[in-house]
Each structure stands twice: as structure tokens, then as C-alpha cells.
């Protein structure tokens, strides 16, 4: 009888320990590790832009692609367009097939966003900490990362990038990204219907290959 009770206690303690481990809050390391497992992430986005001079927030909707090469924003409305952002360039695509390539160095905000997403999905914590002062917090099922640029040129334009998601130490998702600028304007992206895959489609590869 005592032996059965002892075995029962051991089983309970093991189950409790496993449950506690699974429920641990997310950390910066665990988020980077979890997102690295998602080679390519696609889904829908809502962009909300706020300007100091405009009372009403400006919204746009579309789909996105996140991968280690950068980001693709495919805006469906109100104006259809596509934008590929990497750490070195921005490529704008219009519905009629025309494309414009811009040097990423000329747009500090887009460059910083691309570097951030690339570092996240590559699991490159060192790159994040090299370019930003990182503040991280989490609860039982959410996490928030605040990035303050160290580069003075970028900091003169951009105040912070705030990323947030859901999950815990075992598994995390990336659900929103907000950019606050020094002039008081802000842009917030909310991500939904996320799906994960191993490789880019040929169409998606074409966005990053554009020159």
C-alpha cells in the first residue's frame, strides 16, 4: 500500500514538474529560438498609421511574408501595391508590373524594421543587441520586446520599435509590430491567420531577387 502511494507521489511530482516547465514564461532567447523554427511565415496584416496632424488613423490591409531574407508587404486595399524590404534595399511593385528599387540606407525606418525581422527569424540575438537597446517582458502567455535604436542617425527619426506576441518558453508567435517616430507619428502592424512553411514560393522569391 505504502509502495503504491510512493509511486503515485513520484508520478505526481514528475507530471507537476513537466507542466511547470511547459508553462514557463517566454524569454528573449526562447522567442528567438521559437521564431527560427518558422523558416517562412505568411499571413494577413492590418496597418494603422497615426499622424499628429490627422485625427483619424489611416488603415490599410493585405498579406505579408516574413523570412530571413526580409519582408514582403502585399497591400490589397485601399491601394494595391507590393513592397519588398531587405537590410540593403526596398523594392516597390505596382499592379502594372513596374518596379522601383531604393537604397535601404536612404530609409532608416524600413531598414531597421527589416533588420529586426531578419534577426528575429534568424535567431540572431546578437544582431538585435548590437543595433538596439533591448527591453523584454513576458507574462504566462504573452511577450513584449521594446527596441531603442543605438545609431544616432536612426534614433533622430525613430523612437522605438515594439514587437509583441503570444506563447511561452516552449512556443511563441509574432503578432504585432509598432514603430513610434520622434515626430509623434506611429505605425502599427497587426498579424493574423499566420501560416508556416519551409521554403518561399517562386513568386515570393522573385520579390527578393528584384534588382
Protein backbone atom coordinates (compact mmCIF):
# COMPACT_ATOMS: atom_id res chain seq x y z
CA UNK A 1 0.00 0.00 0.00
CA UNK A 2 2.79 2.39 1.00
CA UNK A 3 4.75 1.42 -2.11
CA UNK A 4 1.79 2.29 -4.37
CA UNK A 5 1.33 5.59 -2.58
CA UNK A 6 5.03 6.38 -3.04
CA UNK A 7 4.86 5.58 -6.76
CA UNK A 8 1.79 7.76 -7.05
CA UNK A 9 3.63 10.65 -5.39
CA UNK A 10 6.61 10.28 -7.72
CA UNK A 11 4.33 10.28 -10.78
CA UNK A 12 2.55 13.37 -9.50
CA UNK A 13 5.80 15.25 -8.91
CA UNK A 14 7.11 14.35 -12.37
CA UNK A 15 3.87 15.48 -14.01
CA UNK A 16 3.88 18.69 -11.99
CA UNK A 17 7.49 19.43 -12.94
CA UNK A 18 6.76 18.87 -16.65
CA UNK A 19 3.71 21.11 -16.51
CA UNK A 20 5.69 23.84 -14.74
CA UNK A 21 8.47 23.65 -17.34
CA UNK A 22 5.95 23.90 -20.18
CA UNK A 23 4.24 26.89 -18.60
CA UNK A 24 7.40 28.96 -18.10
CA UNK A 25 7.21 32.49 -19.42
CA UNK A 26 8.86 33.33 -22.73
CA UNK A 27 12.35 34.83 -22.68
CA UNK A 28 14.25 36.73 -25.36
CA UNK A 29 16.25 33.58 -26.09
CA UNK A 30 13.16 31.34 -26.27
CA UNK A 31 11.33 33.75 -28.61
CA UNK A 32 14.31 33.93 -30.99
CA UNK A 33 14.67 30.15 -30.89
CA UNK A 34 10.95 29.58 -31.48
CA UNK A 35 10.70 32.01 -34.41
CA UNK A 36 13.80 30.49 -36.02
CA UNK A 37 11.86 27.25 -36.41
CA UNK A 38 9.47 29.08 -38.76
CA UNK A 39 11.59 29.44 -41.90
CA UNK A 40 8.82 31.30 -43.74
CA UNK A 41 5.81 32.92 -42.07
CA UNK A 42 2.86 34.25 -44.08
CA UNK A 43 -0.48 35.74 -43.12
CA UNK A 44 -2.67 38.82 -43.15
CA UNK A 45 -1.81 42.24 -41.81
CA UNK A 46 -3.63 45.39 -40.79
CA UNK A 47 -1.58 48.56 -40.82
CA UNK A 48 -2.72 51.53 -38.76
CA UNK A 49 -0.86 54.79 -39.29
CA UNK A 50 -1.31 57.76 -36.97
CA UNK A 51 -0.11 61.26 -37.80
CA UNK A 52 -0.02 64.22 -35.37
CA UNK A 53 -1.82 66.43 -37.90
CA UNK A 54 -4.57 63.92 -38.73
CA UNK A 55 -7.21 62.93 -36.17
CA UNK A 56 -8.31 59.79 -37.98
CA UNK A 57 -5.99 56.78 -38.18
CA UNK A 58 -5.15 55.63 -41.72
CA UNK A 59 -5.64 51.90 -42.26
CA UNK A 60 -4.53 49.50 -44.95
CA UNK A 61 -4.88 45.74 -45.33
CA UNK A 62 -3.04 42.96 -47.10
CA UNK A 63 -0.78 39.95 -46.73
CA UNK A 64 2.81 39.57 -45.58
CA UNK A 65 5.81 37.27 -45.91
CA UNK A 66 8.49 37.09 -43.19
CA UNK A 67 11.73 35.19 -43.71
CA UNK A 68 15.45 35.58 -43.09
CA UNK A 69 15.76 37.49 -46.38
CA UNK A 70 13.40 40.23 -45.21
CA UNK A 71 9.73 41.19 -45.54
CA UNK A 72 7.18 41.40 -48.34
CA UNK A 73 4.12 43.60 -47.80
CA UNK A 74 1.35 42.92 -50.33
CA UNK A 75 -1.21 45.67 -49.77
CA UNK A 76 -4.67 44.81 -51.10
CA UNK A 77 -6.58 47.95 -50.06
CA UNK A 78 -7.13 50.82 -50.17
CA UNK A 79 -4.41 50.94 -52.87
CA UNK A 80 -2.98 47.75 -54.31
CA UNK A 81 0.83 47.55 -54.24
CA UNK A 82 3.73 45.40 -53.05
CA UNK A 83 6.89 46.28 -51.17
CA UNK A 84 9.89 44.03 -50.53
CA UNK A 85 12.21 45.17 -47.75
CA UNK A 86 15.66 43.73 -47.06
CA UNK A 87 18.56 45.02 -45.00
CA UNK A 88 20.03 46.72 -48.09
CA UNK A 89 17.14 47.73 -50.34
CA UNK A 90 13.46 48.46 -50.81
CA UNK A 91 11.67 47.35 -53.96
CA UNK A 92 8.26 48.81 -54.79
CA UNK A 93 5.95 46.99 -57.20
CA UNK A 94 2.88 48.48 -58.88
CA UNK A 95 -0.09 46.48 -60.27
CA UNK A 96 1.06 47.18 -63.85
CA UNK A 97 4.34 45.35 -63.24
CA UNK A 98 6.64 48.34 -62.79
CA UNK A 99 9.23 48.19 -60.02
CA UNK A 100 11.38 50.78 -58.31
CA UNK A 101 14.49 49.85 -56.33
CA UNK A 102 15.54 52.15 -53.50
CA UNK A 103 18.68 52.06 -51.40
CA UNK A 104 17.79 50.89 -47.89
CA UNK A 105 20.30 53.34 -46.44
CA UNK A 106 18.01 56.17 -47.56
CA UNK A 107 15.12 54.91 -45.39
CA UNK A 108 16.23 54.35 -41.82
CA UNK A 109 12.86 53.15 -40.54
CA UNK A 110 12.25 50.46 -43.17
CA UNK A 111 15.86 49.34 -42.90
CA UNK A 112 15.57 48.99 -39.12
CA UNK A 113 12.32 47.02 -39.39
CA UNK A 114 13.88 44.67 -41.95
CA UNK A 115 16.99 44.18 -39.81
CA UNK A 116 14.82 43.45 -36.79
CA UNK A 117 12.63 40.87 -38.54
CA UNK A 118 15.66 39.27 -40.19
CA UNK A 119 17.43 38.97 -36.82
CA UNK A 120 14.32 37.52 -35.18
CA UNK A 121 13.71 34.87 -37.81
CA UNK A 122 17.41 34.02 -37.98
CA UNK A 123 17.64 33.69 -34.22
CA UNK A 124 20.36 36.37 -34.23
CA UNK A 125 20.02 37.81 -30.74
CA UNK A 126 23.49 39.38 -31.04
CA UNK A 127 22.38 41.49 -34.03
CA UNK A 128 19.38 42.79 -32.08
CA UNK A 129 21.55 43.75 -29.13
CA UNK A 130 24.17 45.31 -31.40
CA UNK A 131 21.70 47.66 -33.11
CA UNK A 132 19.23 48.26 -30.28
CA UNK A 133 18.88 48.60 -26.56
CA UNK A 134 16.57 45.67 -25.86
CA UNK A 135 13.89 45.59 -23.17
CA UNK A 136 11.94 42.33 -22.81
CA UNK A 137 8.98 41.36 -20.64
CA UNK A 138 6.51 38.49 -20.59
CA UNK A 139 3.51 37.02 -18.82
CA UNK A 140 2.22 33.45 -18.75
CA UNK A 141 1.05 33.66 -22.37
CA UNK A 142 2.33 36.92 -23.93
CA UNK A 143 5.66 38.63 -24.59
CA UNK A 144 6.74 42.16 -25.49
CA UNK A 145 10.07 43.38 -26.82
CA UNK A 146 10.94 47.07 -26.98
CA UNK A 147 13.87 48.12 -29.18
CA UNK A 148 15.52 51.53 -28.93
CA UNK A 149 17.98 52.27 -31.77
CA UNK A 150 21.60 52.87 -30.80
CA UNK A 151 22.55 54.52 -34.10
CA UNK A 152 22.17 58.29 -33.65
CA UNK A 153 21.02 58.83 -37.24
CA UNK A 154 18.22 56.30 -36.86
CA UNK A 155 17.40 57.46 -33.33
CA UNK A 156 16.89 61.00 -34.64
CA UNK A 157 13.96 59.69 -36.70
CA UNK A 158 12.70 56.63 -34.87
CA UNK A 159 11.98 56.43 -31.16
CA UNK A 160 11.20 52.74 -30.62
CA UNK A 161 10.12 49.50 -32.28
CA UNK A 162 7.82 47.39 -30.13
CA UNK A 163 7.20 43.76 -31.01
CA UNK A 164 4.72 41.52 -29.23
CA UNK A 165 3.36 38.04 -29.46
CA UNK A 166 1.75 35.15 -27.65
CA UNK A 167 3.07 31.90 -26.24
CA UNK A 168 5.53 30.78 -23.58
CA UNK A 169 9.03 29.35 -23.34
CA UNK A 170 8.03 26.28 -25.34
CA UNK A 171 6.46 28.05 -28.34
CA UNK A 172 5.93 31.67 -29.38
CA UNK A 173 4.25 33.58 -32.21
CA UNK A 174 4.87 37.11 -33.54
CA UNK A 175 1.56 39.03 -33.54
CA UNK A 176 2.25 42.76 -33.84
CA UNK A 177 4.89 45.36 -34.61
CA UNK A 178 4.66 49.06 -33.74
CA UNK A 179 7.03 51.85 -34.78
CA UNK A 180 6.98 55.13 -32.90
CA UNK A 181 8.73 58.07 -34.55
CA UNK A 182 10.25 61.13 -32.96
CA UNK A 183 7.76 63.46 -34.67
CA UNK A 184 4.86 61.82 -32.81
CA UNK A 185 3.63 59.67 -35.69
CA UNK A 186 3.35 55.90 -35.41
CA UNK A 187 2.68 52.80 -37.49
CA UNK A 188 1.25 49.59 -36.03
CA UNK A 189 1.03 46.26 -37.86
CA UNK A 190 -1.24 43.51 -36.54
CA UNK A 191 -0.70 39.99 -37.91
CA UNK A 192 -3.38 37.30 -38.18
CA UNK A 193 -4.04 33.98 -39.93
CA UNK A 194 -0.37 33.06 -39.69
CA UNK A 195 0.89 30.01 -41.54
CA UNK A 196 4.34 28.45 -41.62
CA UNK A 197 6.30 26.68 -44.36
CA UNK A 198 9.83 25.62 -45.20
CA UNK A 199 10.54 27.46 -48.47
CA UNK A 200 9.46 30.55 -50.39
CA UNK A 201 7.28 30.13 -53.46
CA UNK A 202 8.76 31.18 -56.82
CA UNK A 203 6.60 34.30 -56.74
CA UNK A 204 7.89 35.20 -53.27
CA UNK A 205 11.50 34.58 -54.30
CA UNK A 206 11.03 36.99 -57.21
CA UNK A 207 10.32 39.85 -54.78
CA UNK A 208 13.71 39.46 -53.10
CA UNK A 209 15.58 38.81 -56.37
CA UNK A 210 14.47 42.10 -57.95
CA UNK A 211 17.32 44.47 -58.85
